[in-house]
Amino acid sequence: MFIKSDFFQYSLLVILLALGAVFYFFVFNDPFNRFICVVATTAFYFIWGILHHATYERLSLKIFIEYLLIGSLVILFFAFSLKLR
């Protein structure tokens, strides 16, 4: 069942991920600043996921590791694709 709390949580997620994309593509031109933007957006996604599952008492070690691994893969992907020196 989709309730108002879910709507707020998912709206917050979509808005902040969209802001991360806007900053990445239109604001930052330097690869290091883009990387910081990716790290910040990924950190928000990780925290949001943990809090979202904790709200419904569904947080488990498996879910925690899943968010941690997905976030780590995203950061690694961008670190290699931006060719940071």
C-alpha atoms as a PDB file:
ATOM      1  CA  MET A   1       0.000   0.000   0.000  1.00  0.00           C
ATOM      2  CA  PHE A   2       1.368   3.384  -1.055  1.00  0.00           C
ATOM      3  CA  ILE A   3       0.920   5.978   1.683  1.00  0.00           C
ATOM      4  CA  LYS A   4       1.865   9.659   2.059  1.00  0.00           C
ATOM      5  CA  SER A   5       5.113   8.764   3.797  1.00  0.00           C
ATOM      6  CA  ASP A   6       6.148   6.707   0.779  1.00  0.00           C
ATOM      7  CA  PHE A   7       5.261   9.538  -1.578  1.00  0.00           C
ATOM      8  CA  PHE A   8       7.415  11.975   0.407  1.00  0.00           C
ATOM      9  CA  GLN A   9      10.331   9.542   0.626  1.00  0.00           C
ATOM     10  CA  TYR A  10      10.314   8.659  -3.066  1.00  0.00           C
ATOM     11  CA  SER A  11       9.777  12.290  -4.081  1.00  0.00           C
ATOM     12  CA  LEU A  12      12.795  13.282  -2.003  1.00  0.00           C
ATOM     13  CA  LEU A  13      14.839  10.531  -3.645  1.00  0.00           C
ATOM     14  CA  VAL A  14      13.857  11.551  -7.177  1.00  0.00           C
ATOM     15  CA  ILE A  15      14.424  15.261  -6.523  1.00  0.00           C
ATOM     16  CA  LEU A  16      17.858  14.795  -4.990  1.00  0.00           C
ATOM     17  CA  LEU A  17      18.990  12.317  -7.659  1.00  0.00           C
ATOM     18  CA  ALA A  18      17.812  14.777 -10.304  1.00  0.00           C
ATOM     19  CA  LEU A  19      19.705  17.587  -8.566  1.00  0.00           C
ATOM     20  CA  GLY A  20      22.810  15.396  -8.549  1.00  0.00           C
ATOM     21  CA  ALA A  21      22.424  14.859 -12.297  1.00  0.00           C
ATOM     22  CA  VAL A  22      21.884  18.583 -12.941  1.00  0.00           C
ATOM     23  CA  PHE A  23      24.996  19.496 -10.966  1.00  0.00           C
ATOM     24  CA  TYR A  24      26.992  16.761 -12.708  1.00  0.00           C
ATOM     25  CA  PHE A  25      26.034  17.756 -16.258  1.00  0.00           C
ATOM     26  CA  PHE A  26      25.459  21.507 -16.086  1.00  0.00           C
ATOM     27  CA  VAL A  27      27.320  22.990 -13.139  1.00  0.00           C
ATOM     28  CA  PHE A  28      30.601  21.158 -12.723  1.00  0.00           C
ATOM     29  CA  ASN A  29      33.077  20.919 -15.581  1.00  0.00           C
ATOM     30  CA  ASP A  30      36.137  19.833 -13.640  1.00  0.00           C
ATOM     31  CA  PRO A  31      36.469  16.010 -13.304  1.00  0.00           C
ATOM     32  CA  PHE A  32      37.308  16.247  -9.596  1.00  0.00           C
ATOM     33  CA  ASN A  33      34.206  18.342  -8.837  1.00  0.00           C
ATOM     34  CA  ARG A  34      32.099  15.919 -10.850  1.00  0.00           C
ATOM     35  CA  PHE A  35      33.530  13.055  -8.821  1.00  0.00           C
ATOM     36  CA  ILE A  36      32.662  14.844  -5.572  1.00  0.00           C
ATOM     37  CA  CYS A  37      29.138  15.345  -6.919  1.00  0.00           C
ATOM     38  CA  VAL A  38      28.856  11.611  -7.653  1.00  0.00           C
ATOM     39  CA  VAL A  39      30.163  10.698  -4.195  1.00  0.00           C
ATOM     40  CA  ALA A  40      27.712  13.077  -2.508  1.00  0.00           C
ATOM     41  CA  THR A  41      24.762  11.815  -4.565  1.00  0.00           C
ATOM     42  CA  THR A  42      25.730   8.204  -3.920  1.00  0.00           C
ATOM     43  CA  ALA A  43      26.110   8.883  -0.188  1.00  0.00           C
ATOM     44  CA  PHE A  44      22.617  10.383  -0.162  1.00  0.00           C
ATOM     45  CA  TYR A  45      21.252   7.318  -1.999  1.00  0.00           C
ATOM     46  CA  PHE A  46      22.942   5.005   0.513  1.00  0.00           C
ATOM     47  CA  ILE A  47      21.611   6.923   3.532  1.00  0.00           C
ATOM     48  CA  TRP A  48      18.153   7.198   1.991  1.00  0.00           C
ATOM     49  CA  GLY A  49      18.007   3.449   1.368  1.00  0.00           C
ATOM     50  CA  ILE A  50      19.103   2.575   4.884  1.00  0.00           C
ATOM     51  CA  LEU A  51      16.621   5.004   6.460  1.00  0.00           C
ATOM     52  CA  HIS A  52      13.821   3.880   4.153  1.00  0.00           C
ATOM     53  CA  HIS A  53      14.233   0.228   5.110  1.00  0.00           C
ATOM     54  CA  ALA A  54      14.756   1.055   8.784  1.00  0.00           C
ATOM     55  CA  THR A  55      11.467   2.994   8.777  1.00  0.00           C
ATOM     56  CA  TYR A  56       9.581  -0.177   7.889  1.00  0.00           C
ATOM     57  CA  GLU A  57      11.765  -2.385  10.084  1.00  0.00           C
ATOM     58  CA  ARG A  58      13.007  -4.304   7.030  1.00  0.00           C
ATOM     59  CA  LEU A  59      16.642  -3.360   7.357  1.00  0.00           C
ATOM     60  CA  SER A  60      18.913  -6.378   7.402  1.00  0.00           C
ATOM     61  CA  LEU A  61      22.598  -6.979   6.873  1.00  0.00           C
ATOM     62  CA  LYS A  62      21.859  -8.197   3.338  1.00  0.00           C
ATOM     63  CA  ILE A  63      20.081  -4.936   2.423  1.00  0.00           C
ATOM     64  CA  PHE A  64      22.829  -2.859   4.053  1.00  0.00           C
ATOM     65  CA  ILE A  65      25.525  -4.678   2.049  1.00  0.00           C
ATOM     66  CA  GLU A  66      23.460  -4.356  -1.131  1.00  0.00           C
ATOM     67  CA  TYR A  67      23.264  -0.565  -0.831  1.00  0.00           C
ATOM     68  CA  LEU A  68      26.935  -0.400   0.132  1.00  0.00           C
ATOM     69  CA  LEU A  69      28.016  -2.477  -2.889  1.00  0.00           C
ATOM     70  CA  ILE A  70      25.832  -0.611  -5.361  1.00  0.00           C
ATOM     71  CA  GLY A  71      27.134   2.718  -4.074  1.00  0.00           C
ATOM     72  CA  SER A  72      30.728   1.483  -4.229  1.00  0.00           C
ATOM     73  CA  LEU A  73      30.294   0.251  -7.800  1.00  0.00           C
ATOM     74  CA  VAL A  74      28.818   3.578  -8.906  1.00  0.00           C
ATOM     75  CA  ILE A  75      31.698   5.491  -7.318  1.00  0.00           C
ATOM     76  CA  LEU A  76      34.298   3.159  -8.855  1.00  0.00           C
ATOM     77  CA  PHE A  77      32.666   3.378 -12.271  1.00  0.00           C
ATOM     78  CA  PHE A  78      32.789   7.168 -12.240  1.00  0.00           C
ATOM     79  CA  ALA A  79      36.280   7.257 -10.750  1.00  0.00           C
ATOM     80  CA  PHE A  80      37.601   5.225 -13.687  1.00  0.00           C
ATOM     81  CA  SER A  81      35.476   6.914 -16.342  1.00  0.00           C
ATOM     82  CA  LEU A  82      36.426  10.452 -15.259  1.00  0.00           C
ATOM     83  CA  LYS A  83      40.129   9.548 -15.382  1.00  0.00           C
ATOM     84  CA  LEU A  84      41.031  11.236 -12.130  1.00  0.00           C
ATOM     85  CA  ARG A  85      44.720  11.886 -11.658  1.00  0.00           C
END
